[in-house]
Amino acid sequence: MSERRLPVYLLIDTSGSMNGEPIQSVNVGLRSMVNALRQDPYALESVHLSLITFDIEAKELFPLTSLEQVQIPEIQVPQSGATMLGAALELLVQRVDKEVIKSTPDRKGDWRPLLFIMTDGSPADLHTFRDMILEIKKRNFGNVVACAAGPKAKVAILQELTSNVVHLDTTDSATFAQFFKWVSASVSIGSSSAGVSEPIYLPPPPPEVQVVI
C-alpha cells in the first residue's frame, strides 16, 4: 500500500501589484522551500504539494505532486489585475474534494491537508471569499495559515478565514526568503507530526514574519 500523503496547498497572489521584485522573490522563495523540504526524510516520504495562483482568475499551476517530482514553474504576473482570492478558494475546495483521499473502513486516507495563502491585497471578490470560508472549515484542514504581505494587505479579512495570520512589512526578497523558510519548517513539522488530531503546531517565525494576534 502506498504511504499516506500530507497534502500541502499553496495559494499565491499574482495580481498586478506583485509584479517585479515581489514575484521574483516568490519564485526564488518557493524553489528554496522545495529544496529545504527535500532534505527532510519525513517530508520527502509524505509531502505532496499543489500550487494555485490568483489574479483576475484562479489557476492551478500543478495538482498535488510528490515532493520528489515537484517542479516550480516560473510564475508570471499580469501588468495589472484584481485579486480574486475567493475564486482561488473555490478552486481549492474543488481540488481538495478531488485529490485528497479520505479514509475508508479498509484503508487509511491522506493526512489532514495544510493550506498556506500569501496575498498583498484584499479579495476583489469578497462575497465569494466569505462564502468559501464555511466550505474551507468543512474540509478539516490540519492548519490554515494566511500571510498578509506588505502595507496594503488586509489582515482583518484574512482573520475571518483563519486565526493563523502573519504579516510581512515589505515584499522584498529578504522578507519573502524568511517567509518561505518558515513555511518549509512548518510543513516539516506537519510531516513529522501527521496524524495528530489537534491543529499542527507552527514553529516560531523569524523577525520578518510577524504573527498577528
N, C-alpha and C. Protein backbone atom coordinates (compact mmCIF):
# COMPACT_ATOMS: atom_id res chain seq x y z
N MET A 1 0.83 -1.19 0.00
CA MET A 1 0.00 0.00 0.00
C MET A 1 0.88 1.25 0.00
N SER A 2 0.44 2.28 -0.71
CA SER A 2 1.28 3.48 -0.77
C SER A 2 1.23 4.22 0.56
N GLU A 3 2.26 4.99 0.82
CA GLU A 3 2.33 5.79 2.05
C GLU A 3 1.19 6.81 2.08
N ARG A 4 0.76 7.14 3.30
CA ARG A 4 -0.23 8.21 3.41
C ARG A 4 0.44 9.54 3.07
N ARG A 5 -0.30 10.38 2.37
CA ARG A 5 0.29 11.65 1.93
C ARG A 5 -0.10 12.78 2.89
N LEU A 6 0.75 13.79 2.95
CA LEU A 6 0.41 15.04 3.63
C LEU A 6 0.21 16.08 2.52
N PRO A 7 -1.06 16.37 2.16
CA PRO A 7 -1.29 17.35 1.09
C PRO A 7 -1.02 18.77 1.59
N VAL A 8 -0.25 19.52 0.83
CA VAL A 8 0.05 20.92 1.18
C VAL A 8 -0.34 21.79 0.00
N TYR A 9 -1.29 22.69 0.24
CA TYR A 9 -1.76 23.58 -0.83
C TYR A 9 -1.21 24.98 -0.61
N LEU A 10 -0.63 25.55 -1.66
CA LEU A 10 -0.10 26.92 -1.62
C LEU A 10 -0.94 27.78 -2.54
N LEU A 11 -1.48 28.87 -2.00
CA LEU A 11 -2.24 29.83 -2.81
C LEU A 11 -1.45 31.13 -2.85
N ILE A 12 -1.00 31.52 -4.03
CA ILE A 12 -0.10 32.67 -4.16
C ILE A 12 -0.77 33.77 -4.99
N ASP A 13 -0.76 34.97 -4.44
CA ASP A 13 -1.31 36.15 -5.12
C ASP A 13 -0.41 36.54 -6.28
N THR A 14 -0.99 36.61 -7.50
CA THR A 14 -0.22 37.06 -8.66
C THR A 14 -0.89 38.27 -9.30
N SER A 15 -1.61 39.06 -8.49
CA SER A 15 -2.25 40.27 -9.03
C SER A 15 -1.18 41.28 -9.45
N GLY A 16 -1.57 42.30 -10.20
CA GLY A 16 -0.63 43.25 -10.80
C GLY A 16 0.39 43.84 -9.84
N SER A 17 -0.04 44.06 -8.58
CA SER A 17 0.87 44.70 -7.61
C SER A 17 2.04 43.80 -7.20
N MET A 18 1.96 42.51 -7.57
CA MET A 18 3.07 41.60 -7.25
C MET A 18 4.15 41.62 -8.33
N ASN A 19 3.92 42.42 -9.38
CA ASN A 19 4.87 42.49 -10.49
C ASN A 19 6.26 42.96 -10.03
N GLY A 20 7.30 42.48 -10.73
CA GLY A 20 8.65 42.96 -10.41
C GLY A 20 9.29 42.15 -9.29
N GLU A 21 9.93 42.86 -8.35
CA GLU A 21 10.69 42.18 -7.29
C GLU A 21 9.83 41.21 -6.46
N PRO A 22 8.57 41.59 -6.09
CA PRO A 22 7.81 40.65 -5.25
C PRO A 22 7.68 39.26 -5.87
N ILE A 23 7.27 39.18 -7.15
CA ILE A 23 7.05 37.85 -7.71
C ILE A 23 8.37 37.13 -7.96
N GLN A 24 9.42 37.88 -8.31
CA GLN A 24 10.75 37.24 -8.47
C GLN A 24 11.17 36.62 -7.14
N SER A 25 10.91 37.35 -6.06
CA SER A 25 11.28 36.85 -4.72
C SER A 25 10.46 35.62 -4.36
N VAL A 26 9.19 35.61 -4.77
CA VAL A 26 8.34 34.45 -4.51
C VAL A 26 8.87 33.24 -5.27
N ASN A 27 9.23 33.44 -6.53
CA ASN A 27 9.78 32.33 -7.33
C ASN A 27 11.01 31.72 -6.67
N VAL A 28 11.91 32.59 -6.21
CA VAL A 28 13.13 32.12 -5.54
C VAL A 28 12.77 31.42 -4.23
N GLY A 29 11.85 32.05 -3.48
CA GLY A 29 11.44 31.50 -2.17
C GLY A 29 10.80 30.13 -2.29
N LEU A 30 9.94 29.95 -3.30
CA LEU A 30 9.28 28.65 -3.49
C LEU A 30 10.30 27.56 -3.81
N ARG A 31 11.26 27.91 -4.66
CA ARG A 31 12.27 26.90 -5.03
C ARG A 31 13.11 26.50 -3.83
N SER A 32 13.50 27.51 -3.04
CA SER A 32 14.34 27.15 -1.88
C SER A 32 13.52 26.38 -0.84
N MET A 33 12.21 26.68 -0.76
CA MET A 33 11.34 25.92 0.16
C MET A 33 11.30 24.44 -0.24
N VAL A 34 11.11 24.19 -1.53
CA VAL A 34 11.07 22.80 -2.01
C VAL A 34 12.40 22.11 -1.76
N ASN A 35 13.50 22.81 -2.02
CA ASN A 35 14.83 22.22 -1.78
C ASN A 35 15.03 21.89 -0.30
N ALA A 36 14.58 22.80 0.57
CA ALA A 36 14.72 22.57 2.02
C ALA A 36 13.90 21.35 2.44
N LEU A 37 12.67 21.24 1.91
CA LEU A 37 11.82 20.11 2.29
C LEU A 37 12.39 18.78 1.79
N ARG A 38 13.07 18.83 0.66
CA ARG A 38 13.65 17.58 0.13
C ARG A 38 14.79 17.06 1.00
N GLN A 39 15.33 17.92 1.87
CA GLN A 39 16.39 17.46 2.79
C GLN A 39 15.80 16.71 3.99
N ASP A 40 14.48 16.79 4.13
CA ASP A 40 13.83 16.22 5.32
C ASP A 40 13.19 14.88 4.95
N PRO A 41 13.71 13.76 5.52
CA PRO A 41 13.20 12.44 5.12
C PRO A 41 11.71 12.25 5.36
N TYR A 42 11.19 12.80 6.47
CA TYR A 42 9.74 12.68 6.73
C TYR A 42 8.95 13.38 5.62
N ALA A 43 9.39 14.61 5.30
CA ALA A 43 8.68 15.39 4.28
C ALA A 43 8.76 14.69 2.93
N LEU A 44 9.94 14.18 2.61
CA LEU A 44 10.15 13.54 1.31
C LEU A 44 9.22 12.33 1.15
N GLU A 45 8.95 11.68 2.26
CA GLU A 45 8.11 10.48 2.24
C GLU A 45 6.63 10.83 2.06
N SER A 46 6.19 11.96 2.66
CA SER A 46 4.74 12.18 2.72
C SER A 46 4.23 13.44 2.03
N VAL A 47 5.04 14.49 1.94
CA VAL A 47 4.50 15.77 1.45
C VAL A 47 4.20 15.73 -0.04
N HIS A 48 3.00 16.16 -0.39
CA HIS A 48 2.60 16.40 -1.78
C HIS A 48 2.15 17.85 -1.88
N LEU A 49 2.70 18.56 -2.85
CA LEU A 49 2.42 19.99 -2.98
C LEU A 49 1.50 20.27 -4.15
N SER A 50 0.66 21.32 -3.98
CA SER A 50 -0.11 21.84 -5.10
C SER A 50 0.00 23.35 -5.06
N LEU A 51 0.08 23.98 -6.24
CA LEU A 51 0.25 25.43 -6.31
C LEU A 51 -0.88 26.05 -7.12
N ILE A 52 -1.59 26.98 -6.48
CA ILE A 52 -2.68 27.72 -7.14
C ILE A 52 -2.33 29.20 -7.08
N THR A 53 -2.44 29.88 -8.22
CA THR A 53 -2.20 31.33 -8.22
C THR A 53 -3.53 32.04 -8.49
N PHE A 54 -3.59 33.31 -8.08
CA PHE A 54 -4.83 34.06 -8.34
C PHE A 54 -4.52 35.52 -8.64
N ASP A 55 -5.12 35.98 -9.75
CA ASP A 55 -5.13 37.41 -10.08
C ASP A 55 -6.54 37.69 -10.54
N ILE A 56 -6.74 37.99 -11.84
CA ILE A 56 -8.10 38.19 -12.34
C ILE A 56 -8.83 36.85 -12.41
N GLU A 57 -8.04 35.76 -12.40
CA GLU A 57 -8.65 34.41 -12.33
C GLU A 57 -7.75 33.52 -11.46
N ALA A 58 -8.31 32.40 -11.05
CA ALA A 58 -7.53 31.45 -10.25
C ALA A 58 -7.05 30.33 -11.18
N LYS A 59 -5.77 29.94 -11.03
CA LYS A 59 -5.21 28.90 -11.90
C LYS A 59 -4.46 27.89 -11.04
N GLU A 60 -4.63 26.62 -11.38
CA GLU A 60 -3.83 25.61 -10.71
C GLU A 60 -2.58 25.40 -11.56
N LEU A 61 -1.41 25.74 -11.00
CA LEU A 61 -0.17 25.57 -11.77
C LEU A 61 0.26 24.11 -11.80
N PHE A 62 0.05 23.40 -10.68
CA PHE A 62 0.18 21.94 -10.73
C PHE A 62 -0.65 21.32 -9.61
N PRO A 63 -1.22 20.13 -9.89
CA PRO A 63 -2.03 19.43 -8.89
C PRO A 63 -1.14 18.82 -7.81
N LEU A 64 -1.72 18.16 -6.85
CA LEU A 64 -0.94 17.52 -5.78
C LEU A 64 0.12 16.63 -6.40
N THR A 65 1.36 16.92 -6.09
CA THR A 65 2.50 16.24 -6.71
C THR A 65 3.50 15.90 -5.61
N SER A 66 4.08 14.71 -5.68
CA SER A 66 5.04 14.34 -4.64
C SER A 66 6.23 15.29 -4.68
N LEU A 67 6.79 15.52 -3.50
CA LEU A 67 7.88 16.48 -3.35
C LEU A 67 9.02 16.19 -4.32
N GLU A 68 9.26 14.90 -4.50
CA GLU A 68 10.35 14.48 -5.38
C GLU A 68 10.15 14.99 -6.80
N GLN A 69 8.87 15.04 -7.22
CA GLN A 69 8.58 15.34 -8.64
C GLN A 69 8.15 16.78 -8.88
N VAL A 70 8.03 17.56 -7.80
CA VAL A 70 7.59 18.95 -7.97
C VAL A 70 8.62 19.73 -8.78
N GLN A 71 8.14 20.46 -9.77
CA GLN A 71 8.99 21.42 -10.49
C GLN A 71 8.27 22.76 -10.44
N ILE A 72 8.89 23.71 -9.75
CA ILE A 72 8.24 25.01 -9.60
C ILE A 72 8.39 25.78 -10.92
N PRO A 73 7.26 26.10 -11.56
CA PRO A 73 7.38 26.86 -12.80
C PRO A 73 7.71 28.32 -12.49
N GLU A 74 8.18 29.05 -13.47
CA GLU A 74 8.43 30.49 -13.30
C GLU A 74 7.06 31.17 -13.28
N ILE A 75 6.67 31.72 -12.13
CA ILE A 75 5.34 32.33 -12.04
C ILE A 75 5.39 33.72 -12.67
N GLN A 76 4.46 33.97 -13.56
CA GLN A 76 4.36 35.26 -14.24
C GLN A 76 3.22 36.06 -13.63
N VAL A 77 3.34 37.38 -13.70
CA VAL A 77 2.29 38.26 -13.17
C VAL A 77 1.81 39.19 -14.27
N PRO A 78 0.47 39.33 -14.43
CA PRO A 78 -0.01 40.29 -15.43
C PRO A 78 0.34 41.72 -15.00
N GLN A 79 0.35 42.65 -15.95
CA GLN A 79 0.70 44.04 -15.64
C GLN A 79 -0.26 44.63 -14.61
N SER A 80 -1.52 44.26 -14.71
CA SER A 80 -2.49 44.75 -13.73
C SER A 80 -3.50 43.64 -13.55
N GLY A 81 -4.35 43.79 -12.56
CA GLY A 81 -5.34 42.72 -12.37
C GLY A 81 -5.78 42.65 -10.93
N ALA A 82 -7.03 42.26 -10.75
CA ALA A 82 -7.62 42.21 -9.42
C ALA A 82 -7.14 40.97 -8.67
N THR A 83 -7.51 40.91 -7.39
CA THR A 83 -7.09 39.83 -6.50
C THR A 83 -8.30 38.93 -6.22
N MET A 84 -8.46 37.89 -7.04
CA MET A 84 -9.63 37.01 -6.88
C MET A 84 -9.32 35.86 -5.92
N LEU A 85 -9.19 36.20 -4.65
CA LEU A 85 -8.87 35.17 -3.64
C LEU A 85 -10.06 34.24 -3.42
N GLY A 86 -11.28 34.78 -3.52
CA GLY A 86 -12.47 33.92 -3.38
C GLY A 86 -12.48 32.83 -4.43
N ALA A 87 -12.17 33.21 -5.67
CA ALA A 87 -12.13 32.23 -6.77
C ALA A 87 -11.05 31.18 -6.51
N ALA A 88 -9.93 31.62 -5.93
CA ALA A 88 -8.84 30.67 -5.62
C ALA A 88 -9.30 29.66 -4.56
N LEU A 89 -10.04 30.14 -3.56
CA LEU A 89 -10.54 29.22 -2.52
C LEU A 89 -11.57 28.25 -3.10
N GLU A 90 -12.36 28.76 -4.05
CA GLU A 90 -13.35 27.91 -4.71
C GLU A 90 -12.67 26.79 -5.48
N LEU A 91 -11.61 27.15 -6.22
CA LEU A 91 -10.83 26.16 -6.97
C LEU A 91 -10.17 25.18 -6.00
N LEU A 92 -9.64 25.70 -4.90
CA LEU A 92 -9.00 24.86 -3.88
C LEU A 92 -9.97 23.81 -3.35
N VAL A 93 -11.20 24.22 -3.03
CA VAL A 93 -12.19 23.29 -2.49
C VAL A 93 -12.47 22.17 -3.50
N GLN A 94 -12.60 22.55 -4.78
CA GLN A 94 -12.82 21.52 -5.82
C GLN A 94 -11.65 20.54 -5.88
N ARG A 95 -10.42 21.09 -5.82
CA ARG A 95 -9.24 20.23 -5.91
C ARG A 95 -9.11 19.31 -4.69
N VAL A 96 -9.36 19.87 -3.51
CA VAL A 96 -9.26 19.05 -2.28
C VAL A 96 -10.26 17.90 -2.37
N ASP A 97 -11.49 18.20 -2.81
CA ASP A 97 -12.51 17.15 -2.90
C ASP A 97 -12.11 16.07 -3.89
N LYS A 98 -11.37 16.48 -4.92
CA LYS A 98 -10.99 15.52 -5.96
C LYS A 98 -9.71 14.77 -5.59
N GLU A 99 -8.77 15.46 -4.93
CA GLU A 99 -7.42 14.90 -4.78
C GLU A 99 -7.15 14.23 -3.43
N VAL A 100 -7.75 14.76 -2.37
CA VAL A 100 -7.39 14.24 -1.04
C VAL A 100 -8.16 12.94 -0.79
N ILE A 101 -7.42 11.90 -0.46
CA ILE A 101 -8.02 10.57 -0.27
C ILE A 101 -8.57 10.47 1.15
N LYS A 102 -9.86 10.16 1.23
CA LYS A 102 -10.49 10.03 2.55
C LYS A 102 -10.32 8.60 3.07
N SER A 103 -10.31 8.47 4.39
CA SER A 103 -10.20 7.14 4.98
C SER A 103 -11.49 6.35 4.76
N THR A 104 -11.32 5.05 4.55
CA THR A 104 -12.48 4.15 4.45
C THR A 104 -12.24 3.05 5.49
N PRO A 105 -13.25 2.19 5.76
CA PRO A 105 -13.04 1.14 6.77
C PRO A 105 -11.81 0.27 6.50
N ASP A 106 -11.47 0.08 5.22
CA ASP A 106 -10.33 -0.82 4.95
C ASP A 106 -9.09 -0.10 4.44
N ARG A 107 -9.11 1.24 4.49
CA ARG A 107 -7.91 1.94 4.01
C ARG A 107 -7.80 3.30 4.68
N LYS A 108 -6.60 3.61 5.13
CA LYS A 108 -6.37 4.94 5.72
C LYS A 108 -6.16 5.95 4.60
N GLY A 109 -6.82 7.08 4.71
CA GLY A 109 -6.68 8.12 3.69
C GLY A 109 -5.47 9.00 3.97
N ASP A 110 -5.43 10.13 3.29
CA ASP A 110 -4.33 11.09 3.49
C ASP A 110 -4.43 11.75 4.86
N TRP A 111 -3.33 12.34 5.29
CA TRP A 111 -3.35 13.17 6.49
C TRP A 111 -4.15 14.44 6.19
N ARG A 112 -4.51 15.16 7.25
CA ARG A 112 -5.27 16.40 7.05
C ARG A 112 -4.41 17.42 6.30
N PRO A 113 -4.96 18.02 5.23
CA PRO A 113 -4.14 18.91 4.41
C PRO A 113 -3.76 20.21 5.13
N LEU A 114 -2.67 20.80 4.67
CA LEU A 114 -2.24 22.12 5.17
C LEU A 114 -2.46 23.14 4.05
N LEU A 115 -2.81 24.36 4.45
CA LEU A 115 -3.04 25.42 3.47
C LEU A 115 -2.26 26.66 3.85
N PHE A 116 -1.48 27.18 2.90
CA PHE A 116 -0.75 28.43 3.09
C PHE A 116 -1.18 29.41 2.00
N ILE A 117 -1.64 30.59 2.42
CA ILE A 117 -2.11 31.61 1.48
C ILE A 117 -1.21 32.83 1.61
N MET A 118 -0.79 33.41 0.51
CA MET A 118 0.01 34.64 0.57
C MET A 118 -0.63 35.67 -0.35
N THR A 119 -0.98 36.84 0.21
CA THR A 119 -1.59 37.90 -0.60
C THR A 119 -1.06 39.27 -0.19
N ASP A 120 -0.97 40.18 -1.17
CA ASP A 120 -0.52 41.53 -0.83
C ASP A 120 -1.66 42.54 -0.95
N GLY A 121 -2.90 42.03 -1.08
CA GLY A 121 -4.04 42.94 -1.21
C GLY A 121 -5.23 42.43 -0.43
N SER A 122 -6.44 42.73 -0.91
CA SER A 122 -7.62 42.15 -0.28
C SER A 122 -8.50 41.60 -1.40
N PRO A 123 -9.34 40.60 -1.09
CA PRO A 123 -10.10 39.93 -2.15
C PRO A 123 -11.01 40.91 -2.89
N ALA A 124 -10.92 40.91 -4.23
CA ALA A 124 -11.82 41.74 -5.04
C ALA A 124 -13.20 41.08 -5.08
N ASP A 125 -13.22 39.76 -4.83
CA ASP A 125 -14.49 39.01 -4.83
C ASP A 125 -14.84 38.62 -3.39
N LEU A 126 -15.07 39.64 -2.58
CA LEU A 126 -15.26 39.43 -1.13
C LEU A 126 -16.45 38.52 -0.83
N HIS A 127 -17.49 38.63 -1.63
CA HIS A 127 -18.69 37.82 -1.39
C HIS A 127 -18.35 36.32 -1.53
N THR A 128 -17.65 35.99 -2.63
CA THR A 128 -17.23 34.59 -2.87
C THR A 128 -16.27 34.15 -1.76
N PHE A 129 -15.34 35.04 -1.41
CA PHE A 129 -14.37 34.74 -0.34
C PHE A 129 -15.12 34.32 0.93
N ARG A 130 -16.13 35.12 1.31
CA ARG A 130 -16.86 34.82 2.56
C ARG A 130 -17.68 33.54 2.43
N ASP A 131 -18.25 33.30 1.24
CA ASP A 131 -18.99 32.05 1.03
C ASP A 131 -18.07 30.84 1.20
N MET A 132 -16.83 30.99 0.77
CA MET A 132 -15.89 29.87 0.78
C MET A 132 -15.34 29.57 2.17
N ILE A 133 -15.41 30.54 3.09
CA ILE A 133 -14.85 30.32 4.44
C ILE A 133 -15.48 29.09 5.08
N LEU A 134 -16.80 28.99 4.96
CA LEU A 134 -17.52 27.86 5.54
C LEU A 134 -17.09 26.55 4.88
N GLU A 135 -16.92 26.60 3.55
CA GLU A 135 -16.51 25.40 2.81
C GLU A 135 -15.12 24.93 3.25
N ILE A 136 -14.21 25.90 3.44
CA ILE A 136 -12.85 25.55 3.89
C ILE A 136 -12.92 24.90 5.27
N LYS A 137 -13.75 25.48 6.16
CA LYS A 137 -13.87 24.92 7.52
C LYS A 137 -14.40 23.48 7.48
N LYS A 138 -15.28 23.18 6.53
CA LYS A 138 -15.84 21.82 6.42
C LYS A 138 -14.78 20.80 5.98
N ARG A 139 -13.71 21.28 5.34
CA ARG A 139 -12.72 20.35 4.77
C ARG A 139 -11.70 19.88 5.80
N ASN A 140 -11.80 20.37 7.02
CA ASN A 140 -10.96 19.84 8.11
C ASN A 140 -9.46 19.90 7.82
N PHE A 141 -8.97 21.09 7.48
CA PHE A 141 -7.53 21.26 7.25
C PHE A 141 -6.78 21.10 8.58
N GLY A 142 -5.57 20.55 8.50
CA GLY A 142 -4.73 20.45 9.70
C GLY A 142 -4.32 21.83 10.18
N ASN A 143 -4.15 22.75 9.23
CA ASN A 143 -3.85 24.14 9.56
C ASN A 143 -4.08 25.00 8.33
N VAL A 144 -4.53 26.24 8.58
CA VAL A 144 -4.65 27.23 7.52
C VAL A 144 -3.85 28.44 7.98
N VAL A 145 -2.85 28.81 7.18
CA VAL A 145 -2.01 29.96 7.52
C VAL A 145 -2.14 30.98 6.40
N ALA A 146 -2.46 32.22 6.77
CA ALA A 146 -2.58 33.28 5.77
C ALA A 146 -1.51 34.32 6.04
N CYS A 147 -0.85 34.75 4.97
CA CYS A 147 0.21 35.74 5.09
C CYS A 147 -0.22 37.03 4.38
N ALA A 148 -0.27 38.11 5.14
CA ALA A 148 -0.57 39.43 4.59
C ALA A 148 0.76 40.10 4.28
N ALA A 149 1.08 40.23 2.99
CA ALA A 149 2.40 40.73 2.60
C ALA A 149 2.31 42.20 2.20
N GLY A 150 3.09 43.03 2.89
CA GLY A 150 3.14 44.44 2.51
C GLY A 150 2.02 45.27 3.13
N PRO A 151 2.08 46.59 2.94
CA PRO A 151 1.20 47.51 3.65
C PRO A 151 -0.26 47.49 3.21
N LYS A 152 -0.54 46.98 2.00
CA LYS A 152 -1.93 47.04 1.51
C LYS A 152 -2.75 45.79 1.83
N ALA A 153 -2.08 44.77 2.35
CA ALA A 153 -2.80 43.52 2.65
C ALA A 153 -3.73 43.74 3.84
N LYS A 154 -4.94 43.18 3.73
CA LYS A 154 -5.95 43.40 4.77
C LYS A 154 -5.96 42.23 5.76
N VAL A 155 -5.33 42.47 6.91
CA VAL A 155 -5.21 41.42 7.94
C VAL A 155 -6.59 40.99 8.44
N ALA A 156 -7.47 41.96 8.70
CA ALA A 156 -8.78 41.65 9.32
C ALA A 156 -9.59 40.69 8.44
N ILE A 157 -9.49 40.86 7.12
CA ILE A 157 -10.25 39.98 6.22
C ILE A 157 -9.70 38.56 6.28
N LEU A 158 -8.37 38.44 6.31
CA LEU A 158 -7.76 37.10 6.41
C LEU A 158 -8.11 36.43 7.73
N GLN A 159 -8.28 37.24 8.78
CA GLN A 159 -8.63 36.65 10.08
C GLN A 159 -10.03 36.05 10.09
N GLU A 160 -10.87 36.44 9.13
CA GLU A 160 -12.20 35.80 9.04
C GLU A 160 -12.04 34.33 8.63
N LEU A 161 -10.96 34.05 7.90
CA LEU A 161 -10.72 32.70 7.39
C LEU A 161 -9.95 31.84 8.39
N THR A 162 -8.98 32.43 9.06
CA THR A 162 -8.12 31.66 9.97
C THR A 162 -7.57 32.54 11.09
N SER A 163 -7.30 31.92 12.22
CA SER A 163 -6.68 32.68 13.32
C SER A 163 -5.16 32.74 13.15
N ASN A 164 -4.63 31.94 12.21
CA ASN A 164 -3.17 31.96 11.96
C ASN A 164 -2.84 32.94 10.85
N VAL A 165 -2.71 34.21 11.20
CA VAL A 165 -2.36 35.22 10.20
C VAL A 165 -1.00 35.81 10.55
N VAL A 166 -0.12 35.87 9.56
CA VAL A 166 1.18 36.52 9.77
C VAL A 166 1.27 37.72 8.83
N HIS A 167 2.10 38.66 9.19
CA HIS A 167 2.21 39.89 8.39
C HIS A 167 3.68 40.14 8.03
N LEU A 168 3.90 40.51 6.78
CA LEU A 168 5.24 40.92 6.33
C LEU A 168 5.16 42.42 6.05
N ASP A 169 6.08 43.19 6.63
CA ASP A 169 6.06 44.64 6.39
C ASP A 169 6.38 44.97 4.94
N THR A 170 7.28 44.19 4.35
CA THR A 170 7.73 44.50 2.99
C THR A 170 7.61 43.27 2.10
N THR A 171 7.67 43.50 0.80
CA THR A 171 7.58 42.37 -0.14
C THR A 171 8.90 42.26 -0.91
N ASP A 172 10.02 42.39 -0.17
CA ASP A 172 11.32 42.26 -0.84
C ASP A 172 11.85 40.84 -0.69
N SER A 173 12.97 40.59 -1.37
CA SER A 173 13.45 39.22 -1.44
C SER A 173 13.87 38.67 -0.08
N ALA A 174 14.48 39.50 0.77
CA ALA A 174 14.94 39.01 2.08
C ALA A 174 13.75 38.56 2.93
N THR A 175 12.68 39.35 2.90
CA THR A 175 11.49 39.03 3.71
C THR A 175 10.81 37.77 3.18
N PHE A 176 10.62 37.70 1.86
CA PHE A 176 9.99 36.50 1.30
C PHE A 176 10.84 35.26 1.55
N ALA A 177 12.16 35.42 1.50
CA ALA A 177 13.04 34.27 1.75
C ALA A 177 12.77 33.72 3.15
N GLN A 178 12.66 34.64 4.12
CA GLN A 178 12.40 34.22 5.51
C GLN A 178 11.01 33.58 5.63
N PHE A 179 10.03 34.16 4.92
CA PHE A 179 8.67 33.61 4.98
C PHE A 179 8.64 32.17 4.47
N PHE A 180 9.24 31.95 3.28
CA PHE A 180 9.19 30.59 2.72
C PHE A 180 10.03 29.60 3.52
N LYS A 181 11.08 30.10 4.16
CA LYS A 181 11.88 29.25 5.04
C LYS A 181 11.01 28.78 6.22
N TRP A 182 10.21 29.73 6.73
CA TRP A 182 9.31 29.41 7.85
C TRP A 182 8.22 28.43 7.39
N VAL A 183 7.70 28.63 6.17
CA VAL A 183 6.69 27.71 5.64
C VAL A 183 7.29 26.30 5.55
N SER A 184 8.53 26.21 5.04
CA SER A 184 9.11 24.86 4.92
C SER A 184 9.31 24.22 6.29
N ALA A 185 9.68 25.04 7.30
CA ALA A 185 9.80 24.50 8.67
C ALA A 185 8.43 24.04 9.18
N SER A 186 7.39 24.81 8.87
CA SER A 186 6.03 24.45 9.31
C SER A 186 5.57 23.15 8.65
N VAL A 187 5.87 23.00 7.36
CA VAL A 187 5.48 21.78 6.65
C VAL A 187 6.27 20.59 7.20
N SER A 188 7.55 20.80 7.48
CA SER A 188 8.37 19.71 8.06
C SER A 188 7.78 19.22 9.37
N ILE A 189 7.39 20.17 10.21
CA ILE A 189 6.77 19.79 11.49
C ILE A 189 5.46 19.05 11.21
N GLY A 190 4.72 19.54 10.21
CA GLY A 190 3.47 18.87 9.84
C GLY A 190 3.71 17.45 9.40
N SER A 191 4.79 17.22 8.66
CA SER A 191 5.03 15.86 8.14
C SER A 191 5.50 14.92 9.24
N SER A 192 6.19 15.47 10.26
CA SER A 192 6.66 14.57 11.32
C SER A 192 5.59 14.37 12.40
N SER A 193 4.56 15.27 12.43
CA SER A 193 3.52 15.08 13.45
C SER A 193 2.19 14.76 12.79
N ALA A 194 2.23 14.29 11.53
CA ALA A 194 0.99 13.93 10.83
C ALA A 194 0.26 12.87 11.63
N GLY A 195 -1.05 13.00 11.66
CA GLY A 195 -1.83 12.02 12.42
C GLY A 195 -2.26 12.54 13.76
N VAL A 196 -1.75 13.70 14.15
CA VAL A 196 -2.20 14.32 15.40
C VAL A 196 -3.54 14.96 15.11
N SER A 197 -4.50 14.84 16.04
CA SER A 197 -5.83 15.38 15.73
C SER A 197 -5.92 16.87 16.01
N GLU A 198 -5.05 17.40 16.89
CA GLU A 198 -5.08 18.85 17.15
C GLU A 198 -4.48 19.58 15.94
N PRO A 199 -4.71 20.93 15.86
CA PRO A 199 -4.05 21.68 14.79
C PRO A 199 -2.54 21.50 14.90
N ILE A 200 -1.91 21.43 13.75
CA ILE A 200 -0.46 21.20 13.74
C ILE A 200 0.27 22.43 14.24
N TYR A 201 1.18 22.20 15.15
CA TYR A 201 1.95 23.27 15.78
C TYR A 201 2.79 24.00 14.73
N LEU A 202 2.87 25.32 14.85
CA LEU A 202 3.69 26.10 13.92
C LEU A 202 4.96 26.56 14.63
N PRO A 203 6.11 26.49 13.97
CA PRO A 203 7.34 26.93 14.63
C PRO A 203 7.34 28.46 14.80
N PRO A 204 8.10 28.99 15.76
CA PRO A 204 8.16 30.44 15.90
C PRO A 204 8.73 31.08 14.64
N PRO A 205 8.08 32.11 14.10
CA PRO A 205 8.57 32.69 12.86
C PRO A 205 9.77 33.60 13.09
N PRO A 206 10.54 33.86 12.03
CA PRO A 206 11.67 34.81 12.14
C PRO A 206 11.13 36.23 12.34
N PRO A 207 12.00 37.19 12.72
CA PRO A 207 11.54 38.55 13.00
C PRO A 207 10.80 39.22 11.83
N GLU A 208 11.15 38.85 10.60
CA GLU A 208 10.49 39.48 9.44
C GLU A 208 9.03 39.08 9.31
N VAL A 209 8.70 37.92 9.92
CA VAL A 209 7.34 37.38 9.80
C VAL A 209 6.63 37.59 11.13
N GLN A 210 5.72 38.58 11.17
CA GLN A 210 5.08 38.92 12.44
C GLN A 210 3.75 38.19 12.57
N VAL A 211 3.58 37.53 13.71
CA VAL A 211 2.30 36.87 13.97
C VAL A 211 1.30 37.94 14.41
N VAL A 212 0.12 37.92 13.79
CA VAL A 212 -0.93 38.87 14.15
C VAL A 212 -1.79 38.22 15.22
N ILE A 213 -1.86 38.86 16.37
CA ILE A 213 -2.65 38.29 17.48
C ILE A 213 -4.07 38.83 17.38
